[in-house]
Amino acid sequence: MTKKVILISLAILTIASSCKKKGCIDKLANNYNSEAKKDDGSCTYDGSVVFWINGTTAYNLRVIDSVDFVSIYVDNSKVGQMTTNSNYIVSPACNEGGVTFHYDLGALKEKTFTYEAKFNYNYEPANTTEHTLSSSSFTVKGGLYTPYEIQ
């Protein structure tokens, strides 16, 4: 009789635990499911980084160095250009200034890239090779907007 009760209890527990709704339980994921109780590994992510220059750097580039624009390259591909007329004291919101880089991470929670900020002096011919202002690596994190100041 005891074996029978144990077997029935195990069967009920197995059925009850398998009834938990599966889905993505990470709130930062694109496909977060608030009704899911068990993670099924289906989470997908994207993230954004906004590159920006503060007012002092922008002034120095524009007035002292005679530079009007800074181009941003991510993994050797140009993703945008920003003016040196900006006057940011703190980072701008996503898509409200600077250059925003948006990336679909798929199932990854984060990915590291390299960037280069390049410019031309106003007095140089248009076809002149750009000069590097700065370069480094940065990380895009799923579900987040990250400001990155170019210095």
C-alpha atoms as a PDB file:
ATOM      1  CA  MET A   1       0.000   0.000   0.000  1.00  0.00           C
ATOM      2  CA  THR A   2       2.821   2.421   0.868  1.00  0.00           C
ATOM      3  CA  LYS A   3       4.492   1.743  -2.475  1.00  0.00           C
ATOM      4  CA  LYS A   4       1.216   2.465  -4.234  1.00  0.00           C
ATOM      5  CA  VAL A   5       0.825   5.832  -2.404  1.00  0.00           C
ATOM      6  CA  ILE A   6       4.421   6.765  -3.227  1.00  0.00           C
ATOM      7  CA  LEU A   7       3.982   5.865  -6.908  1.00  0.00           C
ATOM      8  CA  ILE A   8       0.719   7.814  -7.151  1.00  0.00           C
ATOM      9  CA  SER A   9       2.331  10.813  -5.413  1.00  0.00           C
ATOM     10  CA  LEU A  10       5.271  10.716  -7.802  1.00  0.00           C
ATOM     11  CA  ALA A  11       2.958  10.502 -10.777  1.00  0.00           C
ATOM     12  CA  ILE A  12       0.945  13.515  -9.560  1.00  0.00           C
ATOM     13  CA  LEU A  13       4.142  15.521  -8.931  1.00  0.00           C
ATOM     14  CA  THR A  14       5.493  14.660 -12.388  1.00  0.00           C
ATOM     15  CA  ILE A  15       2.260  15.685 -14.078  1.00  0.00           C
ATOM     16  CA  ALA A  16       1.982  18.878 -12.004  1.00  0.00           C
ATOM     17  CA  SER A  17       5.571  19.946 -12.672  1.00  0.00           C
ATOM     18  CA  SER A  18       5.273  19.259 -16.401  1.00  0.00           C
ATOM     19  CA  CYS A  19       2.220  21.530 -16.554  1.00  0.00           C
ATOM     20  CA  LYS A  20       4.312  24.621 -15.786  1.00  0.00           C
ATOM     21  CA  LYS A  21       4.057  26.964 -18.748  1.00  0.00           C
ATOM     22  CA  LYS A  22       7.368  27.209 -20.598  1.00  0.00           C
ATOM     23  CA  GLY A  23       8.715  30.299 -22.314  1.00  0.00           C
ATOM     24  CA  CYS A  24      11.198  33.131 -21.962  1.00  0.00           C
ATOM     25  CA  ILE A  25      11.358  34.339 -18.354  1.00  0.00           C
ATOM     26  CA  ASP A  26      14.066  37.045 -18.771  1.00  0.00           C
ATOM     27  CA  LYS A  27      12.451  40.499 -18.504  1.00  0.00           C
ATOM     28  CA  LEU A  28      15.205  42.048 -20.656  1.00  0.00           C
ATOM     29  CA  ALA A  29      14.439  39.756 -23.613  1.00  0.00           C
ATOM     30  CA  ASN A  30      12.385  40.791 -26.648  1.00  0.00           C
ATOM     31  CA  ASN A  31      10.037  37.871 -26.178  1.00  0.00           C
ATOM     32  CA  TYR A  32       9.612  37.905 -22.379  1.00  0.00           C
ATOM     33  CA  ASN A  33       6.532  35.933 -21.360  1.00  0.00           C
ATOM     34  CA  SER A  34       5.113  36.988 -17.974  1.00  0.00           C
ATOM     35  CA  GLU A  35       2.947  33.857 -17.876  1.00  0.00           C
ATOM     36  CA  ALA A  36       5.879  31.465 -18.290  1.00  0.00           C
ATOM     37  CA  LYS A  37       7.138  29.751 -15.160  1.00  0.00           C
ATOM     38  CA  LYS A  38       9.930  27.692 -16.701  1.00  0.00           C
ATOM     39  CA  ASP A  39      12.621  28.963 -19.071  1.00  0.00           C
ATOM     40  CA  ASP A  40      12.654  27.064 -22.347  1.00  0.00           C
ATOM     41  CA  GLY A  41      15.782  28.712 -23.787  1.00  0.00           C
ATOM     42  CA  SER A  42      13.839  30.693 -26.405  1.00  0.00           C
ATOM     43  CA  CYS A  43      14.829  34.214 -25.237  1.00  0.00           C
ATOM     44  CA  THR A  44      16.063  36.651 -27.906  1.00  0.00           C
ATOM     45  CA  TYR A  45      17.767  39.980 -27.313  1.00  0.00           C
ATOM     46  CA  ASP A  46      18.749  43.224 -28.940  1.00  0.00           C
ATOM     47  CA  GLY A  47      20.580  46.202 -27.552  1.00  0.00           C
ATOM     48  CA  SER A  48      21.662  49.722 -28.411  1.00  0.00           C
ATOM     49  CA  VAL A  49      24.719  51.866 -27.825  1.00  0.00           C
ATOM     50  CA  VAL A  50      24.740  55.611 -28.462  1.00  0.00           C
ATOM     51  CA  PHE A  51      28.123  57.158 -29.229  1.00  0.00           C
ATOM     52  CA  TRP A  52      28.379  60.812 -28.232  1.00  0.00           C
ATOM     53  CA  ILE A  53      30.892  63.605 -27.638  1.00  0.00           C
ATOM     54  CA  ASN A  54      30.592  66.096 -24.807  1.00  0.00           C
ATOM     55  CA  GLY A  55      30.403  69.843 -25.366  1.00  0.00           C
ATOM     56  CA  THR A  56      34.063  70.507 -24.569  1.00  0.00           C
ATOM     57  CA  THR A  57      35.334  67.852 -26.987  1.00  0.00           C
ATOM     58  CA  ALA A  58      32.894  69.053 -29.655  1.00  0.00           C
ATOM     59  CA  TYR A  59      34.053  72.664 -29.192  1.00  0.00           C
ATOM     60  CA  ASN A  60      37.728  71.693 -29.413  1.00  0.00           C
ATOM     61  CA  LEU A  61      37.120  69.700 -32.586  1.00  0.00           C
ATOM     62  CA  ARG A  62      34.988  72.397 -34.213  1.00  0.00           C
ATOM     63  CA  VAL A  63      36.813  75.579 -33.201  1.00  0.00           C
ATOM     64  CA  ILE A  64      40.408  74.545 -32.572  1.00  0.00           C
ATOM     65  CA  ASP A  65      40.788  71.646 -35.020  1.00  0.00           C
ATOM     66  CA  SER A  66      38.322  72.802 -37.703  1.00  0.00           C
ATOM     67  CA  VAL A  67      36.319  69.534 -37.738  1.00  0.00           C
ATOM     68  CA  ASP A  68      32.558  69.581 -38.415  1.00  0.00           C
ATOM     69  CA  PHE A  69      31.693  65.863 -38.303  1.00  0.00           C
ATOM     70  CA  VAL A  70      32.870  62.672 -36.626  1.00  0.00           C
ATOM     71  CA  SER A  71      32.101  59.329 -38.280  1.00  0.00           C
ATOM     72  CA  ILE A  72      31.563  56.157 -36.257  1.00  0.00           C
ATOM     73  CA  TYR A  73      32.664  52.768 -37.568  1.00  0.00           C
ATOM     74  CA  VAL A  74      31.728  49.496 -35.879  1.00  0.00           C
ATOM     75  CA  ASP A  75      33.785  46.464 -36.881  1.00  0.00           C
ATOM     76  CA  ASN A  76      35.056  48.493 -39.889  1.00  0.00           C
ATOM     77  CA  SER A  77      31.573  49.429 -41.180  1.00  0.00           C
ATOM     78  CA  LYS A  78      30.374  53.032 -40.989  1.00  0.00           C
ATOM     79  CA  VAL A  79      27.218  53.211 -38.854  1.00  0.00           C
ATOM     80  CA  GLY A  80      26.734  56.973 -38.697  1.00  0.00           C
ATOM     81  CA  GLN A  81      28.074  60.467 -38.411  1.00  0.00           C
ATOM     82  CA  MET A  82      27.601  63.151 -35.749  1.00  0.00           C
ATOM     83  CA  THR A  83      28.088  66.872 -35.847  1.00  0.00           C
ATOM     84  CA  THR A  84      30.569  68.705 -33.644  1.00  0.00           C
ATOM     85  CA  ASN A  85      27.853  71.327 -33.039  1.00  0.00           C
ATOM     86  CA  SER A  86      26.526  69.184 -30.178  1.00  0.00           C
ATOM     87  CA  ASN A  87      26.666  70.571 -26.687  1.00  0.00           C
ATOM     88  CA  TYR A  88      25.945  67.537 -24.506  1.00  0.00           C
ATOM     89  CA  ILE A  89      26.809  67.667 -20.832  1.00  0.00           C
ATOM     90  CA  VAL A  90      25.378  64.192 -20.233  1.00  0.00           C
ATOM     91  CA  SER A  91      24.709  61.415 -22.718  1.00  0.00           C
ATOM     92  CA  PRO A  92      21.747  61.885 -25.055  1.00  0.00           C
ATOM     93  CA  ALA A  93      18.823  59.474 -24.988  1.00  0.00           C
ATOM     94  CA  CYS A  94      18.766  56.647 -27.504  1.00  0.00           C
ATOM     95  CA  ASN A  95      18.076  58.016 -31.022  1.00  0.00           C
ATOM     96  CA  GLU A  96      18.117  61.621 -29.754  1.00  0.00           C
ATOM     97  CA  GLY A  97      21.650  62.615 -30.640  1.00  0.00           C
ATOM     98  CA  GLY A  98      25.047  61.201 -31.313  1.00  0.00           C
ATOM     99  CA  VAL A  99      25.123  57.977 -33.313  1.00  0.00           C
ATOM    100  CA  THR A 100      22.970  55.052 -32.201  1.00  0.00           C
ATOM    101  CA  PHE A 101      24.143  51.527 -33.004  1.00  0.00           C
ATOM    102  CA  HIS A 102      21.366  48.940 -32.663  1.00  0.00           C
ATOM    103  CA  TYR A 103      22.137  45.225 -32.860  1.00  0.00           C
ATOM    104  CA  ASP A 104      20.011  42.079 -32.893  1.00  0.00           C
ATOM    105  CA  LEU A 105      21.851  39.705 -30.553  1.00  0.00           C
ATOM    106  CA  GLY A 106      19.637  36.684 -31.185  1.00  0.00           C
ATOM    107  CA  ALA A 107      20.037  34.286 -28.252  1.00  0.00           C
ATOM    108  CA  LEU A 108      23.187  36.069 -26.970  1.00  0.00           C
ATOM    109  CA  LYS A 109      22.798  38.295 -23.909  1.00  0.00           C
ATOM    110  CA  GLU A 110      25.737  40.482 -24.969  1.00  0.00           C
ATOM    111  CA  LYS A 111      28.367  40.892 -27.651  1.00  0.00           C
ATOM    112  CA  THR A 112      31.588  42.897 -27.836  1.00  0.00           C
ATOM    113  CA  PHE A 113      32.496  44.984 -30.896  1.00  0.00           C
ATOM    114  CA  THR A 114      35.254  47.409 -31.827  1.00  0.00           C
ATOM    115  CA  TYR A 115      34.636  50.991 -32.849  1.00  0.00           C
ATOM    116  CA  GLU A 116      36.618  53.793 -34.441  1.00  0.00           C
ATOM    117  CA  ALA A 117      35.719  57.471 -34.400  1.00  0.00           C
ATOM    118  CA  LYS A 118      37.201  59.182 -37.470  1.00  0.00           C
ATOM    119  CA  PHE A 119      37.214  62.696 -38.909  1.00  0.00           C
ATOM    120  CA  ASN A 120      38.501  64.955 -41.680  1.00  0.00           C
ATOM    121  CA  TYR A 121      39.724  68.504 -41.223  1.00  0.00           C
ATOM    122  CA  ASN A 122      37.518  71.030 -43.027  1.00  0.00           C
ATOM    123  CA  TYR A 123      40.428  72.238 -45.157  1.00  0.00           C
ATOM    124  CA  GLU A 124      41.240  68.759 -46.528  1.00  0.00           C
ATOM    125  CA  PRO A 125      39.934  67.553 -49.899  1.00  0.00           C
ATOM    126  CA  ALA A 126      36.842  65.328 -49.696  1.00  0.00           C
ATOM    127  CA  ASN A 127      38.690  62.187 -50.759  1.00  0.00           C
ATOM    128  CA  THR A 128      41.343  62.453 -48.015  1.00  0.00           C
ATOM    129  CA  THR A 129      41.760  59.453 -45.713  1.00  0.00           C
ATOM    130  CA  GLU A 130      40.019  60.024 -42.397  1.00  0.00           C
ATOM    131  CA  HIS A 131      42.018  60.494 -39.192  1.00  0.00           C
ATOM    132  CA  THR A 132      41.297  58.392 -36.099  1.00  0.00           C
ATOM    133  CA  LEU A 133      40.036  60.329 -33.093  1.00  0.00           C
ATOM    134  CA  SER A 134      39.663  57.274 -30.859  1.00  0.00           C
ATOM    135  CA  SER A 135      39.099  53.536 -31.018  1.00  0.00           C
ATOM    136  CA  SER A 136      38.278  50.831 -28.528  1.00  0.00           C
ATOM    137  CA  SER A 137      35.920  47.975 -27.842  1.00  0.00           C
ATOM    138  CA  PHE A 138      32.412  48.211 -26.411  1.00  0.00           C
ATOM    139  CA  THR A 139      29.729  45.748 -25.390  1.00  0.00           C
ATOM    140  CA  VAL A 140      26.099  45.691 -26.521  1.00  0.00           C
ATOM    141  CA  LYS A 141      23.939  44.208 -23.760  1.00  0.00           C
ATOM    142  CA  GLY A 142      20.569  42.649 -24.478  1.00  0.00           C
ATOM    143  CA  GLY A 143      17.546  44.718 -23.519  1.00  0.00           C
ATOM    144  CA  LEU A 144      19.631  47.766 -22.620  1.00  0.00           C
ATOM    145  CA  TYR A 145      20.578  51.155 -24.029  1.00  0.00           C
ATOM    146  CA  THR A 146      24.181  52.049 -23.227  1.00  0.00           C
ATOM    147  CA  PRO A 147      25.756  55.509 -23.720  1.00  0.00           C
ATOM    148  CA  TYR A 148      29.396  55.549 -24.856  1.00  0.00           C
ATOM    149  CA  GLU A 149      31.303  58.834 -24.727  1.00  0.00           C
ATOM    150  CA  ILE A 150      33.936  59.425 -27.409  1.00  0.00           C
ATOM    151  CA  GLN A 151      36.938  61.228 -25.957  1.00  0.00           C
END
